[in-house]
Amino acid sequence: MANVSNAQKSFNWLIEVNGLNSFLAQKCNVPLPEIGAVSHGDTNYDVKTAGRIALEDMVLEKLVPAPGGDSWAMTWLQTARNMATGGGALPLNYKATVVVRELSDDGVTILRSFVYTGAWVRKVEHSGLDRTSEDNVIETVTISVDRVTQI
């Protein structure tokens, strides 16, 4: 078995989007592209060729701070589609770029970055409230993305 002397840690990362304080995000999945396979018939076996590219949604789990809270996710969601009026903005007004940077142990050196374009908030969920629990209140923000580039 190989000995890995400097393994990457999963806790050193930074998110840059519309002034979001990255330290409030507890978890973030890093959606990567997946290419579909299209099967075509040939005599007695299938020949597979590359199909469409699909990206899953980015999901952030973040702490909700007590004094005043923060409402950036709900504000962004309502920019895409206003719940009161049913209308919404043009995509150029609500789509943004989200950058996820993986950092080394020093917390400064960037190991790799993922740039997500065409990002917008699809869903905002809040953890349940429970008088007998000591858990932090977590908000889950689902962000739809069009493209990803690794730099």
N, C-alpha and C. Protein backbone atom coordinates (compact mmCIF):
# COMPACT_ATOMS: atom_id res chain seq x y z
N MET A 1 0.85 -1.18 0.00
CA MET A 1 0.00 0.00 0.00
C MET A 1 0.89 1.24 0.00
N ALA A 2 0.53 2.23 -0.80
CA ALA A 2 1.31 3.46 -0.88
C ALA A 2 1.11 4.32 0.36
N ASN A 3 2.15 5.00 0.77
CA ASN A 3 2.08 5.89 1.92
C ASN A 3 1.93 7.32 1.42
N VAL A 4 0.82 7.95 1.72
CA VAL A 4 0.57 9.33 1.29
C VAL A 4 1.04 10.25 2.40
N SER A 5 2.09 11.03 2.13
CA SER A 5 2.67 11.86 3.18
C SER A 5 1.89 13.15 3.41
N ASN A 6 1.30 13.71 2.37
CA ASN A 6 0.56 14.97 2.51
C ASN A 6 -0.80 14.85 1.85
N ALA A 7 -1.72 14.24 2.55
CA ALA A 7 -3.07 14.06 2.01
C ALA A 7 -3.84 15.38 2.05
N GLN A 8 -4.71 15.59 1.06
CA GLN A 8 -5.56 16.78 1.05
C GLN A 8 -6.63 16.62 2.12
N LYS A 9 -6.91 17.68 2.84
CA LYS A 9 -7.96 17.67 3.85
C LYS A 9 -9.24 18.22 3.25
N SER A 10 -10.37 17.70 3.68
CA SER A 10 -11.64 18.12 3.09
C SER A 10 -12.19 19.40 3.71
N PHE A 11 -11.54 19.92 4.76
CA PHE A 11 -12.10 21.09 5.44
C PHE A 11 -11.52 22.42 4.96
N ASN A 12 -10.47 22.40 4.17
CA ASN A 12 -9.84 23.64 3.72
C ASN A 12 -10.34 24.05 2.35
N TRP A 13 -11.34 24.89 2.30
CA TRP A 13 -11.88 25.35 1.04
C TRP A 13 -12.55 26.70 1.24
N LEU A 14 -12.76 27.38 0.15
CA LEU A 14 -13.30 28.73 0.17
C LEU A 14 -14.30 28.87 -0.96
N ILE A 15 -15.43 29.50 -0.69
CA ILE A 15 -16.44 29.75 -1.72
C ILE A 15 -16.52 31.25 -1.95
N GLU A 16 -16.51 31.65 -3.21
CA GLU A 16 -16.66 33.07 -3.55
C GLU A 16 -17.92 33.24 -4.38
N VAL A 17 -18.90 33.93 -3.82
CA VAL A 17 -20.13 34.23 -4.55
C VAL A 17 -20.83 35.40 -3.89
N ASN A 18 -21.07 36.42 -4.61
CA ASN A 18 -21.88 37.57 -4.17
C ASN A 18 -21.66 37.97 -2.71
N GLY A 19 -20.42 38.01 -2.26
CA GLY A 19 -20.14 38.46 -0.91
C GLY A 19 -20.44 37.47 0.19
N LEU A 20 -20.67 36.19 -0.16
CA LEU A 20 -20.93 35.17 0.85
C LEU A 20 -19.71 34.99 1.74
N ASN A 21 -19.91 35.00 3.03
CA ASN A 21 -18.84 34.73 3.98
C ASN A 21 -18.60 33.23 3.98
N SER A 22 -17.48 32.81 3.40
CA SER A 22 -17.23 31.38 3.18
C SER A 22 -17.17 30.58 4.48
N PHE A 23 -16.86 31.22 5.61
CA PHE A 23 -16.75 30.48 6.86
C PHE A 23 -18.11 30.03 7.38
N LEU A 24 -19.20 30.57 6.85
CA LEU A 24 -20.52 30.14 7.27
C LEU A 24 -20.95 28.85 6.59
N ALA A 25 -20.27 28.46 5.50
CA ALA A 25 -20.61 27.23 4.81
C ALA A 25 -19.93 26.06 5.50
N GLN A 26 -20.71 25.09 5.93
CA GLN A 26 -20.17 23.91 6.61
C GLN A 26 -19.83 22.79 5.63
N LYS A 27 -20.65 22.66 4.58
CA LYS A 27 -20.44 21.61 3.59
C LYS A 27 -20.76 22.16 2.21
N CYS A 28 -20.07 21.60 1.22
CA CYS A 28 -20.32 21.97 -0.17
C CYS A 28 -19.96 20.78 -1.03
N ASN A 29 -20.90 20.31 -1.85
CA ASN A 29 -20.51 19.29 -2.80
C ASN A 29 -19.88 20.00 -4.01
N VAL A 30 -19.01 19.34 -4.71
CA VAL A 30 -18.34 19.92 -5.86
C VAL A 30 -18.88 19.18 -7.08
N PRO A 31 -19.95 19.71 -7.70
CA PRO A 31 -20.53 19.01 -8.85
C PRO A 31 -19.59 19.06 -10.05
N LEU A 32 -19.32 17.90 -10.61
CA LEU A 32 -18.46 17.79 -11.77
C LEU A 32 -19.28 17.27 -12.96
N PRO A 33 -18.81 17.54 -14.16
CA PRO A 33 -19.59 17.12 -15.33
C PRO A 33 -19.60 15.61 -15.51
N GLU A 34 -20.71 15.14 -16.03
CA GLU A 34 -20.85 13.73 -16.38
C GLU A 34 -21.36 13.67 -17.81
N ILE A 35 -20.70 12.88 -18.63
CA ILE A 35 -21.10 12.75 -20.03
C ILE A 35 -21.95 11.50 -20.17
N GLY A 36 -23.12 11.67 -20.72
CA GLY A 36 -24.01 10.54 -20.95
C GLY A 36 -23.48 9.65 -22.06
N ALA A 37 -23.84 8.37 -22.00
CA ALA A 37 -23.45 7.43 -23.05
C ALA A 37 -24.67 7.11 -23.90
N VAL A 38 -24.51 7.22 -25.20
CA VAL A 38 -25.59 6.91 -26.14
C VAL A 38 -25.22 5.61 -26.84
N SER A 39 -26.10 4.62 -26.75
CA SER A 39 -25.83 3.32 -27.38
C SER A 39 -26.42 3.27 -28.78
N HIS A 40 -25.63 2.71 -29.69
CA HIS A 40 -26.06 2.51 -31.07
C HIS A 40 -25.89 1.04 -31.38
N GLY A 41 -26.81 0.47 -32.16
CA GLY A 41 -26.72 -0.95 -32.48
C GLY A 41 -25.74 -1.22 -33.61
N ASP A 42 -25.00 -2.28 -33.44
CA ASP A 42 -24.11 -2.76 -34.49
C ASP A 42 -24.12 -4.28 -34.41
N THR A 43 -24.37 -4.93 -35.46
CA THR A 43 -24.53 -6.39 -35.54
C THR A 43 -25.02 -6.99 -34.23
N ASN A 44 -24.12 -7.51 -33.39
CA ASN A 44 -24.60 -8.17 -32.16
C ASN A 44 -24.10 -7.50 -30.88
N TYR A 45 -23.68 -6.24 -30.93
CA TYR A 45 -23.26 -5.54 -29.71
C TYR A 45 -23.55 -4.05 -29.85
N ASP A 46 -23.60 -3.37 -28.70
CA ASP A 46 -23.84 -1.93 -28.68
C ASP A 46 -22.52 -1.18 -28.81
N VAL A 47 -22.56 -0.10 -29.56
CA VAL A 47 -21.43 0.82 -29.65
C VAL A 47 -21.86 2.07 -28.90
N LYS A 48 -21.05 2.49 -27.94
CA LYS A 48 -21.41 3.66 -27.13
C LYS A 48 -20.60 4.87 -27.59
N THR A 49 -21.31 6.00 -27.71
CA THR A 49 -20.66 7.26 -28.04
C THR A 49 -21.06 8.30 -27.01
N ALA A 50 -20.28 9.38 -26.97
CA ALA A 50 -20.53 10.43 -25.98
C ALA A 50 -21.84 11.15 -26.27
N GLY A 51 -22.58 11.41 -25.20
CA GLY A 51 -23.85 12.12 -25.31
C GLY A 51 -23.73 13.52 -24.72
N ARG A 52 -24.80 13.97 -24.12
CA ARG A 52 -24.86 15.32 -23.54
C ARG A 52 -24.11 15.38 -22.21
N ILE A 53 -23.66 16.57 -21.89
CA ILE A 53 -22.98 16.81 -20.61
C ILE A 53 -24.02 17.26 -19.59
N ALA A 54 -23.97 16.68 -18.41
CA ALA A 54 -24.90 17.05 -17.34
C ALA A 54 -24.10 17.41 -16.09
N LEU A 55 -24.61 18.38 -15.34
CA LEU A 55 -24.03 18.77 -14.06
C LEU A 55 -25.10 18.65 -13.00
N GLU A 56 -24.76 18.03 -11.87
CA GLU A 56 -25.70 18.01 -10.76
C GLU A 56 -25.70 19.39 -10.11
N ASP A 57 -26.62 19.62 -9.21
CA ASP A 57 -26.68 20.89 -8.50
C ASP A 57 -25.60 20.97 -7.43
N MET A 58 -25.17 22.19 -7.13
CA MET A 58 -24.28 22.45 -6.00
C MET A 58 -25.17 22.60 -4.77
N VAL A 59 -24.80 21.95 -3.68
CA VAL A 59 -25.57 22.05 -2.44
C VAL A 59 -24.64 22.55 -1.34
N LEU A 60 -25.02 23.69 -0.74
CA LEU A 60 -24.27 24.27 0.38
C LEU A 60 -25.07 24.06 1.65
N GLU A 61 -24.40 23.65 2.69
CA GLU A 61 -25.02 23.62 4.02
C GLU A 61 -24.31 24.68 4.83
N LYS A 62 -25.07 25.63 5.36
CA LYS A 62 -24.45 26.75 6.05
C LYS A 62 -25.11 27.03 7.38
N LEU A 63 -24.33 27.55 8.30
CA LEU A 63 -24.86 27.97 9.59
C LEU A 63 -25.68 29.23 9.42
N VAL A 64 -26.73 29.34 10.17
CA VAL A 64 -27.52 30.57 10.18
C VAL A 64 -27.12 31.35 11.43
N PRO A 65 -26.48 32.53 11.25
CA PRO A 65 -26.04 33.30 12.41
C PRO A 65 -27.23 33.91 13.15
N ALA A 66 -27.12 34.01 14.48
CA ALA A 66 -28.22 34.48 15.31
C ALA A 66 -28.54 35.97 15.17
N PRO A 67 -27.58 36.90 15.30
CA PRO A 67 -27.95 38.31 15.29
C PRO A 67 -28.34 38.80 13.89
N GLY A 68 -29.63 38.85 13.64
CA GLY A 68 -30.13 39.37 12.37
C GLY A 68 -30.18 38.36 11.25
N GLY A 69 -29.45 37.28 11.36
CA GLY A 69 -29.44 36.27 10.31
C GLY A 69 -28.86 36.81 9.01
N ASP A 70 -28.95 36.02 7.98
CA ASP A 70 -28.57 36.50 6.66
C ASP A 70 -29.60 35.99 5.66
N SER A 71 -29.83 36.75 4.64
CA SER A 71 -30.90 36.40 3.71
C SER A 71 -30.43 36.40 2.26
N TRP A 72 -29.11 36.29 2.03
CA TRP A 72 -28.62 36.36 0.66
C TRP A 72 -29.20 35.28 -0.24
N ALA A 73 -29.38 34.06 0.30
CA ALA A 73 -29.87 32.96 -0.53
C ALA A 73 -31.34 33.18 -0.92
N MET A 74 -32.16 33.57 0.03
CA MET A 74 -33.58 33.81 -0.28
C MET A 74 -33.73 35.01 -1.21
N THR A 75 -32.92 36.04 -1.02
CA THR A 75 -32.96 37.20 -1.91
C THR A 75 -32.60 36.80 -3.33
N TRP A 76 -31.54 35.98 -3.46
CA TRP A 76 -31.10 35.52 -4.78
C TRP A 76 -32.19 34.65 -5.42
N LEU A 77 -32.81 33.76 -4.64
CA LEU A 77 -33.88 32.91 -5.15
C LEU A 77 -35.05 33.75 -5.65
N GLN A 78 -35.42 34.77 -4.90
CA GLN A 78 -36.56 35.60 -5.29
C GLN A 78 -36.24 36.53 -6.45
N THR A 79 -34.96 36.73 -6.75
CA THR A 79 -34.60 37.48 -7.95
C THR A 79 -34.90 36.65 -9.19
N ALA A 80 -34.67 35.35 -9.10
CA ALA A 80 -34.95 34.46 -10.24
C ALA A 80 -36.45 34.35 -10.48
N ARG A 81 -37.22 34.21 -9.42
CA ARG A 81 -38.67 34.09 -9.56
C ARG A 81 -39.33 34.65 -8.32
N ASN A 82 -40.04 35.74 -8.46
CA ASN A 82 -40.70 36.40 -7.34
C ASN A 82 -41.94 35.61 -6.94
N MET A 83 -41.98 35.15 -5.68
CA MET A 83 -43.10 34.33 -5.22
C MET A 83 -44.40 35.12 -5.11
N ALA A 84 -44.31 36.40 -4.86
CA ALA A 84 -45.52 37.21 -4.70
C ALA A 84 -46.17 37.52 -6.04
N THR A 85 -45.38 37.84 -7.04
CA THR A 85 -45.93 38.25 -8.33
C THR A 85 -45.94 37.14 -9.36
N GLY A 86 -45.10 36.12 -9.16
CA GLY A 86 -44.99 35.04 -10.14
C GLY A 86 -44.04 35.37 -11.28
N GLY A 87 -43.61 36.61 -11.35
CA GLY A 87 -42.67 37.01 -12.40
C GLY A 87 -41.24 36.77 -11.96
N GLY A 88 -40.34 37.04 -12.86
CA GLY A 88 -38.94 36.86 -12.53
C GLY A 88 -38.07 37.73 -13.41
N ALA A 89 -36.80 37.80 -13.05
CA ALA A 89 -35.85 38.61 -13.79
C ALA A 89 -35.33 37.83 -15.00
N LEU A 90 -34.67 38.52 -15.88
CA LEU A 90 -33.99 37.87 -17.00
C LEU A 90 -32.78 37.11 -16.45
N PRO A 91 -32.40 36.00 -17.08
CA PRO A 91 -31.26 35.22 -16.58
C PRO A 91 -29.99 36.05 -16.40
N LEU A 92 -29.75 37.03 -17.25
CA LEU A 92 -28.54 37.84 -17.09
C LEU A 92 -28.56 38.65 -15.80
N ASN A 93 -29.73 38.80 -15.18
CA ASN A 93 -29.83 39.55 -13.92
C ASN A 93 -29.74 38.66 -12.68
N TYR A 94 -29.94 37.35 -12.81
CA TYR A 94 -29.86 36.49 -11.62
C TYR A 94 -28.79 35.41 -11.68
N LYS A 95 -28.26 35.13 -12.86
CA LYS A 95 -27.19 34.13 -12.94
C LYS A 95 -25.87 34.77 -12.54
N ALA A 96 -25.04 34.00 -11.85
CA ALA A 96 -23.77 34.53 -11.34
C ALA A 96 -22.68 33.47 -11.52
N THR A 97 -21.49 33.81 -11.11
CA THR A 97 -20.35 32.89 -11.12
C THR A 97 -20.01 32.53 -9.69
N VAL A 98 -19.84 31.25 -9.42
CA VAL A 98 -19.44 30.76 -8.11
C VAL A 98 -18.08 30.09 -8.27
N VAL A 99 -17.16 30.43 -7.38
CA VAL A 99 -15.82 29.83 -7.41
C VAL A 99 -15.60 29.07 -6.11
N VAL A 100 -15.21 27.80 -6.22
CA VAL A 100 -14.86 26.99 -5.06
C VAL A 100 -13.37 26.72 -5.16
N ARG A 101 -12.63 27.15 -4.13
CA ARG A 101 -11.17 26.98 -4.11
C ARG A 101 -10.79 25.99 -3.00
N GLU A 102 -10.03 24.98 -3.37
CA GLU A 102 -9.49 24.05 -2.37
C GLU A 102 -8.13 24.58 -1.93
N LEU A 103 -7.94 24.69 -0.62
CA LEU A 103 -6.72 25.28 -0.06
C LEU A 103 -5.83 24.21 0.57
N SER A 104 -4.54 24.49 0.62
CA SER A 104 -3.61 23.57 1.30
C SER A 104 -3.73 23.77 2.81
N ASP A 105 -2.93 23.04 3.57
CA ASP A 105 -3.00 23.10 5.03
C ASP A 105 -2.72 24.48 5.60
N ASP A 106 -1.98 25.33 4.87
CA ASP A 106 -1.69 26.67 5.38
C ASP A 106 -2.90 27.60 5.28
N GLY A 107 -3.96 27.16 4.58
CA GLY A 107 -5.17 27.97 4.45
C GLY A 107 -5.04 29.12 3.47
N VAL A 108 -3.94 29.20 2.75
CA VAL A 108 -3.70 30.30 1.82
C VAL A 108 -3.41 29.80 0.40
N THR A 109 -2.55 28.81 0.28
CA THR A 109 -2.14 28.29 -1.02
C THR A 109 -3.31 27.56 -1.67
N ILE A 110 -3.63 27.95 -2.90
CA ILE A 110 -4.74 27.33 -3.63
C ILE A 110 -4.23 26.10 -4.38
N LEU A 111 -4.85 24.94 -4.10
CA LEU A 111 -4.47 23.70 -4.77
C LEU A 111 -5.18 23.56 -6.11
N ARG A 112 -6.47 23.85 -6.13
CA ARG A 112 -7.24 23.85 -7.37
C ARG A 112 -8.51 24.64 -7.16
N SER A 113 -9.06 25.11 -8.25
CA SER A 113 -10.29 25.90 -8.19
C SER A 113 -11.29 25.38 -9.21
N PHE A 114 -12.56 25.47 -8.86
CA PHE A 114 -13.64 25.15 -9.78
C PHE A 114 -14.46 26.42 -9.98
N VAL A 115 -14.66 26.81 -11.23
CA VAL A 115 -15.44 28.02 -11.55
C VAL A 115 -16.74 27.56 -12.18
N TYR A 116 -17.85 27.88 -11.51
CA TYR A 116 -19.18 27.50 -11.98
C TYR A 116 -19.85 28.74 -12.55
N THR A 117 -20.25 28.67 -13.81
CA THR A 117 -20.93 29.80 -14.44
C THR A 117 -22.41 29.47 -14.63
N GLY A 118 -23.20 30.50 -14.75
CA GLY A 118 -24.64 30.32 -14.90
C GLY A 118 -25.29 29.79 -13.64
N ALA A 119 -24.77 30.21 -12.48
CA ALA A 119 -25.28 29.70 -11.20
C ALA A 119 -26.43 30.55 -10.69
N TRP A 120 -27.42 29.89 -10.11
CA TRP A 120 -28.56 30.59 -9.49
C TRP A 120 -29.20 29.68 -8.45
N VAL A 121 -29.78 30.28 -7.43
CA VAL A 121 -30.37 29.52 -6.31
C VAL A 121 -31.71 28.93 -6.75
N ARG A 122 -31.82 27.61 -6.61
CA ARG A 122 -33.05 26.88 -6.94
C ARG A 122 -33.94 26.65 -5.73
N LYS A 123 -33.28 26.40 -4.57
CA LYS A 123 -34.07 26.01 -3.39
C LYS A 123 -33.33 26.42 -2.14
N VAL A 124 -34.09 26.84 -1.13
CA VAL A 124 -33.54 27.15 0.19
C VAL A 124 -34.35 26.37 1.21
N GLU A 125 -33.67 25.55 2.01
CA GLU A 125 -34.33 24.75 3.04
C GLU A 125 -33.73 25.08 4.40
N HIS A 126 -34.55 25.03 5.42
CA HIS A 126 -34.09 25.27 6.80
C HIS A 126 -34.25 24.01 7.61
N SER A 127 -33.28 23.76 8.50
CA SER A 127 -33.41 22.61 9.37
C SER A 127 -34.58 22.84 10.32
N GLY A 128 -35.13 21.76 10.84
CA GLY A 128 -36.26 21.87 11.74
C GLY A 128 -35.88 22.53 13.06
N LEU A 129 -36.84 23.15 13.68
CA LEU A 129 -36.63 23.78 14.98
C LEU A 129 -37.10 22.82 16.06
N ASP A 130 -36.30 22.69 17.11
CA ASP A 130 -36.58 21.70 18.14
C ASP A 130 -36.09 22.23 19.49
N ARG A 131 -37.00 22.43 20.43
CA ARG A 131 -36.64 22.98 21.75
C ARG A 131 -35.73 22.06 22.55
N THR A 132 -35.71 20.78 22.23
CA THR A 132 -34.88 19.84 23.00
C THR A 132 -33.53 19.58 22.34
N SER A 133 -33.22 20.28 21.25
CA SER A 133 -31.98 20.04 20.52
C SER A 133 -30.94 21.11 20.81
N GLU A 134 -29.67 20.72 20.75
CA GLU A 134 -28.58 21.68 20.90
C GLU A 134 -27.90 21.95 19.56
N ASP A 135 -28.44 21.39 18.48
CA ASP A 135 -27.82 21.54 17.17
C ASP A 135 -27.89 22.98 16.68
N ASN A 136 -26.93 23.35 15.82
CA ASN A 136 -26.98 24.64 15.15
C ASN A 136 -28.07 24.61 14.08
N VAL A 137 -28.64 25.77 13.79
CA VAL A 137 -29.61 25.86 12.71
C VAL A 137 -28.83 25.91 11.40
N ILE A 138 -29.17 25.00 10.50
CA ILE A 138 -28.47 24.88 9.23
C ILE A 138 -29.45 25.23 8.10
N GLU A 139 -28.96 26.00 7.16
CA GLU A 139 -29.73 26.33 5.96
C GLU A 139 -29.07 25.60 4.80
N THR A 140 -29.86 24.88 4.02
CA THR A 140 -29.34 24.17 2.86
C THR A 140 -29.75 24.95 1.61
N VAL A 141 -28.75 25.34 0.82
CA VAL A 141 -28.99 26.14 -0.38
C VAL A 141 -28.60 25.31 -1.59
N THR A 142 -29.57 25.09 -2.49
CA THR A 142 -29.32 24.34 -3.71
C THR A 142 -29.13 25.33 -4.85
N ILE A 143 -27.98 25.22 -5.53
CA ILE A 143 -27.62 26.14 -6.60
C ILE A 143 -27.50 25.37 -7.90
N SER A 144 -28.25 25.79 -8.90
CA SER A 144 -28.16 25.19 -10.22
C SER A 144 -27.00 25.83 -10.97
N VAL A 145 -26.24 25.04 -11.71
CA VAL A 145 -25.11 25.59 -12.47
C VAL A 145 -25.16 25.07 -13.91
N ASP A 146 -24.70 25.93 -14.84
CA ASP A 146 -24.69 25.58 -16.25
C ASP A 146 -23.39 24.89 -16.66
N ARG A 147 -22.26 25.44 -16.21
CA ARG A 147 -20.96 24.93 -16.65
C ARG A 147 -19.96 24.97 -15.50
N VAL A 148 -18.93 24.12 -15.63
CA VAL A 148 -17.83 24.14 -14.66
C VAL A 148 -16.51 24.07 -15.41
N THR A 149 -15.55 24.81 -14.89
CA THR A 149 -14.19 24.79 -15.42
C THR A 149 -13.26 24.62 -14.23
N GLN A 150 -12.32 23.69 -14.35
CA GLN A 150 -11.32 23.53 -13.29
C GLN A 150 -10.07 24.31 -13.68
N ILE A 151 -9.62 25.17 -12.75
CA ILE A 151 -8.40 25.93 -13.04
C ILE A 151 -7.38 25.67 -11.95
